Amino acid sequence: MILLDSDHLTVLKYRGSERFVRLTMRLQAAADEAIGTTIVNVEEQMRGWLASLAKERAVPRQVPAYLELSLLFEFFGKLHVAAFDVDAAARFQALRAAAVRIGTMDLKAACVALVNKAVFLTANRRDFAKVPGLRFENWLD
């Protein structure tokens, strides 16, 4: 299984760049693997657009954020979304107790990847290298 972090998801969501072409070619080459993301990454993306809506008071200026929010539902509807389940929660608590110090959302996403024995695609090597046992790669380079 291959799970994508938010940086890789953003490249996939906004087509047309050279990075998009490279990433999609690599994902197509790995077509025998289940490809998706974590519910934690879905939450991050949703919170971003919901925050944009909440801060914009002028209703006409909310339209682009609503459009992006609806496109997000479409986009994630095409991907497998791996759950943050009791196993991931237990792994999260164990890693916090072991003093793994990265952001809460990053650690939750990493724990979903760990319990699913997935390769986690992220450009954030600095933080994810701190998670014992996590297999991660950056396909955006």
Protein backbone atom coordinates (compact mmCIF):
# COMPACT_ATOMS: atom_id res chain seq x y z
CA MET A 1 0.00 0.00 0.00
CA ILE A 2 1.11 3.53 -0.79
CA LEU A 3 -0.31 6.43 1.23
CA LEU A 4 0.20 10.05 0.20
CA ASP A 5 0.89 12.95 2.54
CA SER A 6 -0.68 16.35 1.92
CA ASP A 7 2.24 17.66 -0.16
CA HIS A 8 1.89 14.79 -2.65
CA LEU A 9 -1.92 15.10 -2.62
CA THR A 10 -1.70 18.78 -3.50
CA VAL A 11 0.48 18.02 -6.53
CA LEU A 12 -2.06 15.41 -7.69
CA LYS A 13 -5.00 17.72 -7.10
CA TYR A 14 -3.65 20.58 -9.20
CA ARG A 15 -2.76 19.03 -12.53
CA GLY A 16 -0.46 20.39 -15.15
CA SER A 17 2.87 20.84 -13.44
CA GLU A 18 6.01 18.87 -14.20
CA ARG A 19 5.81 17.45 -10.69
CA PHE A 20 2.28 16.22 -11.43
CA VAL A 21 3.50 14.38 -14.53
CA ARG A 22 6.41 12.76 -12.68
CA LEU A 23 4.26 11.75 -9.72
CA THR A 24 1.47 10.27 -11.83
CA MET A 25 3.98 8.30 -13.89
CA ARG A 26 5.46 6.78 -10.74
CA LEU A 27 2.02 6.02 -9.33
CA GLN A 28 0.99 4.36 -12.59
CA ALA A 29 4.14 2.24 -12.47
CA ALA A 30 3.09 1.14 -8.98
CA ALA A 31 -0.45 0.32 -10.12
CA ASP A 32 -0.36 -3.11 -8.48
CA GLU A 33 -0.22 -1.36 -5.09
CA ALA A 34 -3.27 0.10 -3.36
CA ILE A 35 -2.85 3.89 -3.51
CA GLY A 36 -4.55 6.33 -1.20
CA THR A 37 -4.15 8.66 1.73
CA THR A 38 -5.03 8.81 5.40
CA ILE A 39 -8.16 10.21 6.97
CA VAL A 40 -5.79 12.51 8.87
CA ASN A 41 -4.65 14.08 5.59
CA VAL A 42 -8.28 14.42 4.50
CA GLU A 43 -8.97 16.24 7.77
CA GLU A 44 -6.04 18.62 7.18
CA GLN A 45 -7.24 19.51 3.69
CA MET A 46 -10.85 19.97 4.84
CA ARG A 47 -9.85 22.16 7.79
CA GLY A 48 -7.88 24.40 5.45
CA TRP A 49 -10.83 25.18 3.20
CA LEU A 50 -13.26 25.41 6.12
CA ALA A 51 -10.94 27.97 7.75
CA SER A 52 -10.92 29.96 4.49
CA LEU A 53 -14.70 29.99 4.52
CA ALA A 54 -14.91 30.98 8.17
CA LYS A 55 -12.65 34.01 7.81
CA GLU A 56 -14.26 35.38 4.63
CA ARG A 57 -17.30 37.50 5.54
CA ALA A 58 -18.28 38.61 2.03
CA VAL A 59 -20.47 35.84 0.64
CA PRO A 60 -19.44 36.33 -3.01
CA ARG A 61 -15.80 35.91 -1.96
CA GLN A 62 -16.67 32.57 -0.34
CA VAL A 63 -17.51 31.03 -3.71
CA PRO A 64 -13.93 29.94 -4.59
CA ALA A 65 -13.52 28.24 -1.20
CA TYR A 66 -16.83 26.42 -1.62
CA LEU A 67 -15.71 25.32 -5.08
CA GLU A 68 -12.43 23.99 -3.69
CA LEU A 69 -14.30 22.22 -0.90
CA SER A 70 -16.61 20.47 -3.37
CA LEU A 71 -13.62 19.52 -5.56
CA LEU A 72 -12.00 18.04 -2.46
CA PHE A 73 -14.95 15.67 -2.00
CA GLU A 74 -14.64 14.62 -5.64
CA PHE A 75 -10.89 14.15 -5.36
CA PHE A 76 -10.94 12.08 -2.18
CA GLY A 77 -13.86 10.04 -3.50
CA LYS A 78 -11.45 8.55 -6.05
CA LEU A 79 -8.85 7.49 -3.47
CA HIS A 80 -8.68 4.82 -0.81
CA VAL A 81 -8.77 6.60 2.55
CA ALA A 82 -7.06 4.64 5.33
CA ALA A 83 -8.67 5.01 8.75
CA PHE A 84 -7.21 6.27 11.99
CA ASP A 85 -8.40 3.24 13.94
CA VAL A 86 -7.76 1.83 17.42
CA ASP A 87 -4.46 0.29 16.27
CA ALA A 88 -3.27 3.62 14.87
CA ALA A 89 -4.39 5.39 18.06
CA ALA A 90 -2.47 2.88 20.21
CA ARG A 91 0.64 3.32 18.06
CA PHE A 92 0.25 7.10 18.33
CA GLN A 93 0.09 6.94 22.13
CA ALA A 94 3.10 4.61 22.28
CA LEU A 95 5.19 6.91 20.07
CA ARG A 96 4.17 9.98 22.09
CA ALA A 97 5.17 8.11 25.27
CA ALA A 98 8.51 7.29 23.60
CA ALA A 99 9.03 11.05 23.08
CA VAL A 100 8.73 11.07 19.28
CA ARG A 101 8.37 14.80 18.75
CA ILE A 102 6.72 15.75 15.51
CA GLY A 103 3.42 17.50 14.89
CA THR A 104 0.30 15.73 16.09
CA MET A 105 -1.28 15.46 12.65
CA ASP A 106 1.98 14.23 11.10
CA LEU A 107 2.37 11.59 13.79
CA LYS A 108 -1.24 10.45 13.38
CA ALA A 109 -0.77 10.10 9.61
CA ALA A 110 2.49 8.21 10.18
CA CYS A 111 0.73 5.83 12.57
CA VAL A 112 -1.93 5.07 9.96
CA ALA A 113 0.87 4.24 7.51
CA LEU A 114 2.64 2.09 10.10
CA VAL A 115 -0.37 -0.04 11.01
CA ASN A 116 -1.19 -0.51 7.32
CA LYS A 117 2.45 -1.43 6.55
CA ALA A 118 2.33 1.25 3.87
CA VAL A 119 4.97 3.34 2.18
CA PHE A 120 4.21 6.96 3.06
CA LEU A 121 4.94 9.47 0.30
CA THR A 122 6.02 12.79 1.77
CA ALA A 123 8.51 15.57 1.11
CA ASN A 124 8.85 16.10 4.86
CA ARG A 125 11.90 13.94 5.53
CA ARG A 126 13.00 15.96 8.56
CA ASP A 127 9.96 15.09 10.67
CA PHE A 128 9.05 11.65 9.37
CA ALA A 129 12.61 10.36 9.82
CA LYS A 130 11.92 10.61 13.56
CA VAL A 131 9.20 7.93 13.38
CA PRO A 132 10.69 4.48 14.09
CA GLY A 133 9.82 1.88 11.47
CA LEU A 134 8.08 4.26 9.08
CA ARG A 135 8.86 3.58 5.44
CA PHE A 136 8.66 6.87 3.59
CA GLU A 137 9.78 8.22 0.24
CA ASN A 138 9.65 11.53 -1.59
CA TRP A 139 8.39 11.11 -5.15
CA LEU A 140 8.33 14.86 -5.80
CA ASP A 141 12.11 15.19 -6.27
